[in-house]
C-alpha atoms as a PDB file:
ATOM      1  CA  MET A   1     161.620  82.902 127.298  1.00  0.00           C
ATOM      2  CA  THR A   2     161.943  81.629 130.742  1.00  0.00           C
ATOM      3  CA  GLN A   3     163.777  83.121 133.841  1.00  0.00           C
ATOM      4  CA  SER A   4     166.200  80.241 133.749  1.00  0.00           C
ATOM      5  CA  GLU A   5     166.790  80.766 129.706  1.00  0.00           C
ATOM      6  CA  LYS A   6     167.525  84.534 130.743  1.00  0.00           C
ATOM      7  CA  LYS A   7     169.867  83.678 132.929  1.00  0.00           C
ATOM      8  CA  PHE A   8     171.699  81.293 131.232  1.00  0.00           C
ATOM      9  CA  GLU A   9     172.212  83.546 128.288  1.00  0.00           C
ATOM     10  CA  ASN A  10     173.376  86.424 130.437  1.00  0.00           C
ATOM     11  CA  VAL A  11     176.222  83.942 131.896  1.00  0.00           C
ATOM     12  CA  LYS A  12     176.784  82.746 128.128  1.00  0.00           C
ATOM     13  CA  ASP A  13     177.102  86.653 127.575  1.00  0.00           C
ATOM     14  CA  GLN A  14     179.825  86.992 130.425  1.00  0.00           C
ATOM     15  CA  VAL A  15     181.517  83.922 129.630  1.00  0.00           C
ATOM     16  CA  ALA A  16     182.217  84.705 125.857  1.00  0.00           C
ATOM     17  CA  GLY A  17     183.060  88.078 127.131  1.00  0.00           C
ATOM     18  CA  LYS A  18     185.562  87.186 129.706  1.00  0.00           C
ATOM     19  CA  ALA A  19     186.955  84.644 126.766  1.00  0.00           C
ATOM     20  CA  LYS A  20     187.410  87.205 124.170  1.00  0.00           C
ATOM     21  CA  GLU A  21     189.164  89.707 127.100  1.00  0.00           C
ATOM     22  CA  VAL A  22     191.786  87.124 127.791  1.00  0.00           C
ATOM     23  CA  THR A  23     192.358  86.426 123.982  1.00  0.00           C
ATOM     24  CA  GLY A  24     192.687  90.178 123.411  1.00  0.00           C
ATOM     25  CA  LYS A  25     194.978  90.373 126.306  1.00  0.00           C
ATOM     26  CA  VAL A  26     197.237  87.026 125.169  1.00  0.00           C
ATOM     27  CA  THR A  27     197.713  88.343 121.689  1.00  0.00           C
ATOM     28  CA  LYS A  28     198.040  92.192 122.451  1.00  0.00           C
ATOM     29  CA  ASP A  29     194.715  93.047 120.709  1.00  0.00           C
ATOM     30  CA  LYS A  30     193.309  95.800 122.412  1.00  0.00           C
ATOM     31  CA  LYS A  31     190.176  96.152 120.180  1.00  0.00           C
ATOM     32  CA  LEU A  32     189.304  92.445 121.085  1.00  0.00           C
ATOM     33  CA  GLU A  33     189.885  92.716 124.818  1.00  0.00           C
ATOM     34  CA  SER A  34     187.726  95.853 125.053  1.00  0.00           C
ATOM     35  CA  GLU A  35     185.123  93.979 123.055  1.00  0.00           C
ATOM     36  CA  GLY A  36     185.176  91.102 125.427  1.00  0.00           C
ATOM     37  CA  LYS A  37     185.069  93.560 128.371  1.00  0.00           C
ATOM     38  CA  THR A  38     181.917  95.263 127.261  1.00  0.00           C
ATOM     39  CA  GLN A  39     180.303  91.877 126.348  1.00  0.00           C
ATOM     40  CA  ASP A  40     181.048  90.709 129.618  1.00  0.00           C
ATOM     41  CA  LEU A  41     179.539  93.645 131.276  1.00  0.00           C
ATOM     42  CA  ILE A  42     176.342  93.684 129.056  1.00  0.00           C
ATOM     43  CA  GLY A  43     175.643  90.027 130.429  1.00  0.00           C
ATOM     44  CA  LYS A  44     176.345  91.090 133.809  1.00  0.00           C
ATOM     45  CA  ALA A  45     174.068  94.098 133.487  1.00  0.00           C
ATOM     46  CA  LYS A  46     171.427  92.029 132.011  1.00  0.00           C
ATOM     47  CA  ASP A  47     171.759  89.621 134.816  1.00  0.00           C
ATOM     48  CA  LYS A  48     171.223  92.149 137.620  1.00  0.00           C
ATOM     49  CA  PHE A  49     168.273  93.566 135.435  1.00  0.00           C
ATOM     50  CA  GLU A  50     166.620  90.240 135.634  1.00  0.00           C
ATOM     51  CA  ASP A  51     167.039  89.894 139.368  1.00  0.00           C
ATOM     52  CA  ALA A  52     165.651  93.470 139.723  1.00  0.00           C
ATOM     53  CA  LYS A  53     162.825  92.879 137.606  1.00  0.00           C
ATOM     54  CA  GLU A  54     161.862  89.335 139.700  1.00  0.00           C
ATOM     55  CA  ALA A  55     162.264  91.462 143.015  1.00  0.00           C
ATOM     56  CA  ALA A  56     159.897  93.888 141.544  1.00  0.00           C
ATOM     57  CA  LYS A  57     157.484  91.109 140.810  1.00  0.00           C
ATOM     58  CA  GLY A  58     157.752  89.475 144.171  1.00  0.00           C
ATOM     59  CA  ALA A  59     156.964  92.644 145.939  1.00  0.00           C
ATOM     60  CA  VAL A  60     153.872  93.458 143.532  1.00  0.00           C
ATOM     61  CA  GLU A  61     152.717  90.223 144.818  1.00  0.00           C
ATOM     62  CA  SER A  62     153.151  90.635 148.434  1.00  0.00           C
ATOM     63  CA  ILE A  63     151.621  93.811 148.127  1.00  0.00           C
ATOM     64  CA  LYS A  64     148.317  92.478 146.461  1.00  0.00           C
ATOM     65  CA  LYS A  65     148.114  89.730 149.105  1.00  0.00           C
ATOM     66  CA  MET A  66     148.001  92.363 151.918  1.00  0.00           C
ATOM     67  CA  GLY A  67     145.320  93.770 149.887  1.00  0.00           C
ATOM     68  CA  LYS A  68     143.048  91.167 150.359  1.00  0.00           C
END
């Protein structure tokens, strides 16, 4: 899976989670609201993890270039 596809999946999780959260609030369904918050946070965490992975990759590449 490419970086763009991963980012898209993470954003999709965030949007779906937010939709569940709002639906839960409107319908007073605490379980659905909680599931939505969790899904949103998971999407955000995955996104941050991907960013960190890319930053680490860039740092490794920079170090490799310095050693040449």
